[in-house]
Amino acid sequence: MCLGIPGKVLEIQGDDPLYRTAKVSFGGAVKEVSLAALPEVNVDEYVIVHAGLALSTLNEEEAQEVFDALEEMAE
């Protein structure tokens, strides 16, 4: 089973689609993520990340639902 975590794209670096990376915020923790699988992603969009690779996009409402569920699980 894979666990993908949603994060918000804060900044994008690079022009080559295979080597583009982004700084992505996961509830305040910022990590560098590969955008090789999602060359069309833009700043302020939400992505699902697994093992340092952005795999898919989602809208803000979907991301918030996941954040709420994770917070509920932590309680």
PDB file of N, CA and C in Angstrom:
ATOM      1  N   MET A   1       0.840  -1.172   0.000  1.00  0.00           N
ATOM      2  CA  MET A   1       0.000   0.000   0.000  1.00  0.00           C
ATOM      3  C   MET A   1       0.890   1.241   0.000  1.00  0.00           C
ATOM      4  N   CYS A   2       0.529   2.222  -0.801  1.00  0.00           N
ATOM      5  CA  CYS A   2       1.254   3.490  -0.874  1.00  0.00           C
ATOM      6  C   CYS A   2       0.460   4.562  -0.149  1.00  0.00           C
ATOM      7  N   LEU A   3       1.181   5.459   0.465  1.00  0.00           N
ATOM      8  CA  LEU A   3       0.538   6.579   1.129  1.00  0.00           C
ATOM      9  C   LEU A   3       1.030   7.857   0.481  1.00  0.00           C
ATOM     10  N   GLY A   4       0.137   8.574  -0.171  1.00  0.00           N
ATOM     11  CA  GLY A   4       0.468   9.854  -0.784  1.00  0.00           C
ATOM     12  C   GLY A   4      -0.067  10.966   0.100  1.00  0.00           C
ATOM     13  N   ILE A   5       0.736  11.992   0.287  1.00  0.00           N
ATOM     14  CA  ILE A   5       0.373  13.101   1.151  1.00  0.00           C
ATOM     15  C   ILE A   5       0.167  14.351   0.299  1.00  0.00           C
ATOM     16  N   PRO A   6      -0.909  15.101   0.532  1.00  0.00           N
ATOM     17  CA  PRO A   6      -1.107  16.330  -0.233  1.00  0.00           C
ATOM     18  C   PRO A   6      -0.239  17.471   0.304  1.00  0.00           C
ATOM     19  N   GLY A   7       0.192  18.311  -0.616  1.00  0.00           N
ATOM     20  CA  GLY A   7       0.965  19.485  -0.245  1.00  0.00           C
ATOM     21  C   GLY A   7       0.713  20.603  -1.235  1.00  0.00           C
ATOM     22  N   LYS A   8       1.018  21.827  -0.820  1.00  0.00           N
ATOM     23  CA  LYS A   8       0.804  22.999  -1.661  1.00  0.00           C
ATOM     24  C   LYS A   8       2.134  23.434  -2.263  1.00  0.00           C
ATOM     25  N   VAL A   9       2.149  23.629  -3.579  1.00  0.00           N
ATOM     26  CA  VAL A   9       3.355  24.058  -4.285  1.00  0.00           C
ATOM     27  C   VAL A   9       3.604  25.534  -3.981  1.00  0.00           C
ATOM     28  N   LEU A  10       4.773  25.809  -3.413  1.00  0.00           N
ATOM     29  CA  LEU A  10       5.143  27.174  -3.049  1.00  0.00           C
ATOM     30  C   LEU A  10       6.033  27.836  -4.091  1.00  0.00           C
ATOM     31  N   GLU A  11       6.909  27.032  -4.691  1.00  0.00           N
ATOM     32  CA  GLU A  11       7.913  27.569  -5.615  1.00  0.00           C
ATOM     33  C   GLU A  11       8.354  26.450  -6.555  1.00  0.00           C
ATOM     34  N   ILE A  12       8.655  26.804  -7.801  1.00  0.00           N
ATOM     35  CA  ILE A  12       9.103  25.823  -8.785  1.00  0.00           C
ATOM     36  C   ILE A  12      10.474  26.248  -9.311  1.00  0.00           C
ATOM     37  N   GLN A  13      11.378  25.254  -9.425  1.00  0.00           N
ATOM     38  CA  GLN A  13      12.707  25.496  -9.955  1.00  0.00           C
ATOM     39  C   GLN A  13      12.947  24.621 -11.180  1.00  0.00           C
ATOM     40  N   GLY A  14      13.661  25.165 -12.166  1.00  0.00           N
ATOM     41  CA  GLY A  14      14.080  24.402 -13.332  1.00  0.00           C
ATOM     42  C   GLY A  14      13.141  24.543 -14.508  1.00  0.00           C
ATOM     43  N   ASP A  15      13.723  24.348 -15.692  1.00  0.00           N
ATOM     44  CA  ASP A  15      12.951  24.440 -16.935  1.00  0.00           C
ATOM     45  C   ASP A  15      12.777  23.092 -17.614  1.00  0.00           C
ATOM     46  N   ASP A  16      13.723  22.184 -17.422  1.00  0.00           N
ATOM     47  CA  ASP A  16      13.659  20.864 -18.049  1.00  0.00           C
ATOM     48  C   ASP A  16      12.589  20.035 -17.336  1.00  0.00           C
ATOM     49  N   PRO A  17      11.560  19.578 -18.060  1.00  0.00           N
ATOM     50  CA  PRO A  17      10.461  18.832 -17.418  1.00  0.00           C
ATOM     51  C   PRO A  17      10.912  17.616 -16.609  1.00  0.00           C
ATOM     52  N   LEU A  18      11.992  16.976 -16.991  1.00  0.00           N
ATOM     53  CA  LEU A  18      12.455  15.794 -16.254  1.00  0.00           C
ATOM     54  C   LEU A  18      13.163  16.138 -14.945  1.00  0.00           C
ATOM     55  N   TYR A  19      13.639  17.376 -14.840  1.00  0.00           N
ATOM     56  CA  TYR A  19      14.408  17.757 -13.659  1.00  0.00           C
ATOM     57  C   TYR A  19      13.777  18.893 -12.867  1.00  0.00           C
ATOM     58  N   ARG A  20      12.552  19.276 -13.222  1.00  0.00           N
ATOM     59  CA  ARG A  20      11.861  20.327 -12.470  1.00  0.00           C
ATOM     60  C   ARG A  20      11.590  19.863 -11.050  1.00  0.00           C
ATOM     61  N   THR A  21      11.760  20.771 -10.107  1.00  0.00           N
ATOM     62  CA  THR A  21      11.445  20.459  -8.717  1.00  0.00           C
ATOM     63  C   THR A  21      10.593  21.589  -8.147  1.00  0.00           C
ATOM     64  N   ALA A  22      10.000  21.310  -7.007  1.00  0.00           N
ATOM     65  CA  ALA A  22       9.179  22.318  -6.340  1.00  0.00           C
ATOM     66  C   ALA A  22       9.416  22.261  -4.847  1.00  0.00           C
ATOM     67  N   LYS A  23       9.272  23.402  -4.203  1.00  0.00           N
ATOM     68  CA  LYS A  23       9.201  23.431  -2.753  1.00  0.00           C
ATOM     69  C   LYS A  23       7.721  23.301  -2.432  1.00  0.00           C
ATOM     70  N   VAL A  24       7.392  22.263  -1.663  1.00  0.00           N
ATOM     71  CA  VAL A  24       6.003  21.941  -1.361  1.00  0.00           C
ATOM     72  C   VAL A  24       5.810  21.973   0.153  1.00  0.00           C
ATOM     73  N   SER A  25       4.743  22.632   0.592  1.00  0.00           N
ATOM     74  CA  SER A  25       4.426  22.730   2.013  1.00  0.00           C
ATOM     75  C   SER A  25       3.440  21.641   2.413  1.00  0.00           C
ATOM     76  N   PHE A  26       3.820  20.905   3.439  1.00  0.00           N
ATOM     77  CA  PHE A  26       2.958  19.874   4.016  1.00  0.00           C
ATOM     78  C   PHE A  26       2.588  20.330   5.421  1.00  0.00           C
ATOM     79  N   GLY A  27       1.587  21.202   5.498  1.00  0.00           N
ATOM     80  CA  GLY A  27       1.162  21.708   6.799  1.00  0.00           C
ATOM     81  C   GLY A  27       2.246  22.487   7.514  1.00  0.00           C
ATOM     82  N   GLY A  28       3.101  23.173   6.770  1.00  0.00           N
ATOM     83  CA  GLY A  28       4.159  23.974   7.373  1.00  0.00           C
ATOM     84  C   GLY A  28       5.552  23.405   7.167  1.00  0.00           C
ATOM     85  N   ALA A  29       5.676  22.096   7.030  1.00  0.00           N
ATOM     86  CA  ALA A  29       6.967  21.474   6.727  1.00  0.00           C
ATOM     87  C   ALA A  29       7.179  21.561   5.222  1.00  0.00           C
ATOM     88  N   VAL A  30       8.280  22.176   4.802  1.00  0.00           N
ATOM     89  CA  VAL A  30       8.543  22.380   3.378  1.00  0.00           C
ATOM     90  C   VAL A  30       9.610  21.401   2.914  1.00  0.00           C
ATOM     91  N   LYS A  31       9.316  20.694   1.838  1.00  0.00           N
ATOM     92  CA  LYS A  31      10.236  19.704   1.262  1.00  0.00           C
ATOM     93  C   LYS A  31      10.390  19.957  -0.224  1.00  0.00           C
ATOM     94  N   GLU A  32      11.538  19.547  -0.764  1.00  0.00           N
ATOM     95  CA  GLU A  32      11.747  19.622  -2.206  1.00  0.00           C
ATOM     96  C   GLU A  32      11.230  18.340  -2.840  1.00  0.00           C
ATOM     97  N   VAL A  33      10.462  18.495  -3.925  1.00  0.00           N
ATOM     98  CA  VAL A  33       9.762  17.382  -4.563  1.00  0.00           C
ATOM     99  C   VAL A  33      10.016  17.409  -6.062  1.00  0.00           C
ATOM    100  N   SER A  34      10.159  16.243  -6.664  1.00  0.00           N
ATOM    101  CA  SER A  34      10.306  16.151  -8.113  1.00  0.00           C
ATOM    102  C   SER A  34       8.956  16.340  -8.796  1.00  0.00           C
ATOM    103  N   LEU A  35       8.960  17.125  -9.886  1.00  0.00           N
ATOM    104  CA  LEU A  35       7.752  17.326 -10.695  1.00  0.00           C
ATOM    105  C   LEU A  35       7.843  16.589 -12.032  1.00  0.00           C
ATOM    106  N   ALA A  36       8.742  15.616 -12.150  1.00  0.00           N
ATOM    107  CA  ALA A  36       8.951  14.915 -13.418  1.00  0.00           C
ATOM    108  C   ALA A  36       7.662  14.290 -13.959  1.00  0.00           C
ATOM    109  N   ALA A  37       6.782  13.834 -13.078  1.00  0.00           N
ATOM    110  CA  ALA A  37       5.539  13.194 -13.518  1.00  0.00           C
ATOM    111  C   ALA A  37       4.407  14.196 -13.751  1.00  0.00           C
ATOM    112  N   LEU A  38       4.605  15.453 -13.336  1.00  0.00           N
ATOM    113  CA  LEU A  38       3.560  16.479 -13.461  1.00  0.00           C
ATOM    114  C   LEU A  38       4.150  17.784 -13.998  1.00  0.00           C
ATOM    115  N   PRO A  39       4.602  17.806 -15.237  1.00  0.00           N
ATOM    116  CA  PRO A  39       5.248  19.016 -15.758  1.00  0.00           C
ATOM    117  C   PRO A  39       4.319  20.222 -15.865  1.00  0.00           C
ATOM    118  N   GLU A  40       3.005  20.019 -15.804  1.00  0.00           N
ATOM    119  CA  GLU A  40       2.055  21.121 -15.968  1.00  0.00           C
ATOM    120  C   GLU A  40       1.682  21.818 -14.659  1.00  0.00           C
ATOM    121  N   VAL A  41       2.200  21.370 -13.533  1.00  0.00           N
ATOM    122  CA  VAL A  41       1.837  21.940 -12.231  1.00  0.00           C
ATOM    123  C   VAL A  41       2.362  23.366 -12.094  1.00  0.00           C
ATOM    124  N   ASN A  42       1.582  24.199 -11.406  1.00  0.00           N
ATOM    125  CA  ASN A  42       1.935  25.594 -11.167  1.00  0.00           C
ATOM    126  C   ASN A  42       1.957  25.896  -9.670  1.00  0.00           C
ATOM    127  N   VAL A  43       2.565  27.030  -9.324  1.00  0.00           N
ATOM    128  CA  VAL A  43       2.601  27.498  -7.938  1.00  0.00           C
ATOM    129  C   VAL A  43       1.163  27.682  -7.440  1.00  0.00           C
ATOM    130  N   ASP A  44       0.947  27.380  -6.172  1.00  0.00           N
ATOM    131  CA  ASP A  44      -0.338  27.479  -5.460  1.00  0.00           C
ATOM    132  C   ASP A  44      -1.290  26.319  -5.762  1.00  0.00           C
ATOM    133  N   GLU A  45      -0.871  25.337  -6.544  1.00  0.00           N
ATOM    134  CA  GLU A  45      -1.686  24.139  -6.754  1.00  0.00           C
ATOM    135  C   GLU A  45      -1.320  23.101  -5.701  1.00  0.00           C
ATOM    136  N   TYR A  46      -2.204  22.140  -5.515  1.00  0.00           N
ATOM    137  CA  TYR A  46      -1.976  21.058  -4.564  1.00  0.00           C
ATOM    138  C   TYR A  46      -1.627  19.791  -5.317  1.00  0.00           C
ATOM    139  N   VAL A  47      -0.655  19.042  -4.768  1.00  0.00           N
ATOM    140  CA  VAL A  47      -0.208  17.797  -5.381  1.00  0.00           C
ATOM    141  C   VAL A  47      -0.192  16.687  -4.335  1.00  0.00           C
ATOM    142  N   ILE A  48      -0.337  15.455  -4.807  1.00  0.00           N
ATOM    143  CA  ILE A  48      -0.155  14.274  -3.958  1.00  0.00           C
ATOM    144  C   ILE A  48       1.277  13.812  -4.165  1.00  0.00           C
ATOM    145  N   VAL A  49       2.016  13.632  -3.055  1.00  0.00           N
ATOM    146  CA  VAL A  49       3.428  13.275  -3.124  1.00  0.00           C
ATOM    147  C   VAL A  49       3.660  11.934  -2.435  1.00  0.00           C
ATOM    148  N   HIS A  50       4.432  11.088  -3.095  1.00  0.00           N
ATOM    149  CA  HIS A  50       4.860   9.817  -2.512  1.00  0.00           C
ATOM    150  C   HIS A  50       6.335   9.641  -2.836  1.00  0.00           C
ATOM    151  N   ALA A  51       7.135   9.395  -1.817  1.00  0.00           N
ATOM    152  CA  ALA A  51       8.567   9.133  -1.974  1.00  0.00           C
ATOM    153  C   ALA A  51       9.277  10.253  -2.742  1.00  0.00           C
ATOM    154  N   GLY A  52       8.895  11.503  -2.490  1.00  0.00           N
ATOM    155  CA  GLY A  52       9.563  12.635  -3.098  1.00  0.00           C
ATOM    156  C   GLY A  52       9.159  12.967  -4.516  1.00  0.00           C
ATOM    157  N   LEU A  53       8.108  12.317  -5.014  1.00  0.00           N
ATOM    158  CA  LEU A  53       7.639  12.538  -6.383  1.00  0.00           C
ATOM    159  C   LEU A  53       6.170  12.959  -6.356  1.00  0.00           C
ATOM    160  N   ALA A  54       5.877  14.092  -6.989  1.00  0.00           N
ATOM    161  CA  ALA A  54       4.480  14.525  -7.119  1.00  0.00           C
ATOM    162  C   ALA A  54       3.811  13.636  -8.157  1.00  0.00           C
ATOM    163  N   LEU A  55       2.743  12.952  -7.770  1.00  0.00           N
ATOM    164  CA  LEU A  55       2.100  11.964  -8.633  1.00  0.00           C
ATOM    165  C   LEU A  55       0.809  12.442  -9.285  1.00  0.00           C
ATOM    166  N   SER A  56       0.077  13.321  -8.602  1.00  0.00           N
ATOM    167  CA  SER A  56      -1.190  13.809  -9.154  1.00  0.00           C
ATOM    168  C   SER A  56      -1.534  15.140  -8.505  1.00  0.00           C
ATOM    169  N   THR A  57      -2.501  15.819  -9.113  1.00  0.00           N
ATOM    170  CA  THR A  57      -2.967  17.091  -8.564  1.00  0.00           C
ATOM    171  C   THR A  57      -4.326  16.892  -7.914  1.00  0.00           C
ATOM    172  N   LEU A  58      -4.695  17.807  -7.059  1.00  0.00           N
ATOM    173  CA  LEU A  58      -6.023  17.827  -6.478  1.00  0.00           C
ATOM    174  C   LEU A  58      -6.373  19.272  -6.176  1.00  0.00           C
ATOM    175  N   ASN A  59      -7.667  19.536  -6.017  1.00  0.00           N
ATOM    176  CA  ASN A  59      -8.060  20.918  -5.743  1.00  0.00           C
ATOM    177  C   ASN A  59      -7.948  21.206  -4.245  1.00  0.00           C
ATOM    178  N   GLU A  60      -8.093  22.458  -3.892  1.00  0.00           N
ATOM    179  CA  GLU A  60      -7.915  22.876  -2.502  1.00  0.00           C
ATOM    180  C   GLU A  60      -8.923  22.208  -1.571  1.00  0.00           C
ATOM    181  N   GLU A  61     -10.154  22.037  -2.033  1.00  0.00           N
ATOM    182  CA  GLU A  61     -11.183  21.395  -1.206  1.00  0.00           C
ATOM    183  C   GLU A  61     -10.811  19.944  -0.899  1.00  0.00           C
ATOM    184  N   GLU A  62     -10.348  19.212  -1.902  1.00  0.00           N
ATOM    185  CA  GLU A  62      -9.936  17.818  -1.688  1.00  0.00           C
ATOM    186  C   GLU A  62      -8.747  17.748  -0.731  1.00  0.00           C
ATOM    187  N   ALA A  63      -7.800  18.662  -0.901  1.00  0.00           N
ATOM    188  CA  ALA A  63      -6.636  18.690  -0.010  1.00  0.00           C
ATOM    189  C   ALA A  63      -7.074  18.949   1.421  1.00  0.00           C
ATOM    190  N   GLN A  64      -7.993  19.884   1.618  1.00  0.00           N
ATOM    191  CA  GLN A  64      -8.456  20.202   2.965  1.00  0.00           C
ATOM    192  C   GLN A  64      -9.161  19.011   3.614  1.00  0.00           C
ATOM    193  N   GLU A  65      -9.902  18.241   2.830  1.00  0.00           N
ATOM    194  CA  GLU A  65     -10.559  17.041   3.363  1.00  0.00           C
ATOM    195  C   GLU A  65      -9.518  16.058   3.892  1.00  0.00           C
ATOM    196  N   VAL A  66      -8.428  15.896   3.168  1.00  0.00           N
ATOM    197  CA  VAL A  66      -7.357  14.998   3.616  1.00  0.00           C
ATOM    198  C   VAL A  66      -6.700  15.548   4.875  1.00  0.00           C
ATOM    199  N   PHE A  67      -6.396  16.858   4.901  1.00  0.00           N
ATOM    200  CA  PHE A  67      -5.793  17.465   6.083  1.00  0.00           C
ATOM    201  C   PHE A  67      -6.688  17.274   7.310  1.00  0.00           C
ATOM    202  N   ASP A  68      -7.994  17.460   7.137  1.00  0.00           N
ATOM    203  CA  ASP A  68      -8.935  17.282   8.242  1.00  0.00           C
ATOM    204  C   ASP A  68      -8.947  15.836   8.738  1.00  0.00           C
ATOM    205  N   ALA A  69      -8.932  14.894   7.806  1.00  0.00           N
ATOM    206  CA  ALA A  69      -8.931  13.473   8.184  1.00  0.00           C
ATOM    207  C   ALA A  69      -7.647  13.110   8.926  1.00  0.00           C
ATOM    208  N   LEU A  70      -6.509  13.614   8.466  1.00  0.00           N
ATOM    209  CA  LEU A  70      -5.242  13.331   9.137  1.00  0.00           C
ATOM    210  C   LEU A  70      -5.223  13.933  10.542  1.00  0.00           C
ATOM    211  N   GLU A  71      -5.765  15.133  10.677  1.00  0.00           N
ATOM    212  CA  GLU A  71      -5.822  15.772  11.985  1.00  0.00           C
ATOM    213  C   GLU A  71      -6.730  14.987  12.932  1.00  0.00           C
ATOM    214  N   GLU A  72      -7.847  14.513  12.410  1.00  0.00           N
ATOM    215  CA  GLU A  72      -8.770  13.711  13.207  1.00  0.00           C
ATOM    216  C   GLU A  72      -8.107  12.414  13.678  1.00  0.00           C
ATOM    217  N   MET A  73      -7.343  11.792  12.810  1.00  0.00           N
ATOM    218  CA  MET A  73      -6.640  10.550  13.153  1.00  0.00           C
ATOM    219  C   MET A  73      -5.598  10.806  14.242  1.00  0.00           C
ATOM    220  N   ALA A  74      -4.974  11.974  14.210  1.00  0.00           N
ATOM    221  CA  ALA A  74      -3.941  12.307  15.201  1.00  0.00           C
ATOM    222  C   ALA A  74      -4.532  12.497  16.592  1.00  0.00           C
ATOM    223  N   GLU A  75      -5.786  12.905  16.651  1.00  0.00           N
ATOM    224  CA  GLU A  75      -6.450  13.113  17.933  1.00  0.00           C
ATOM    225  C   GLU A  75      -6.814  11.780  18.505  1.00  0.00           C
TER     226      GLU A  75
END
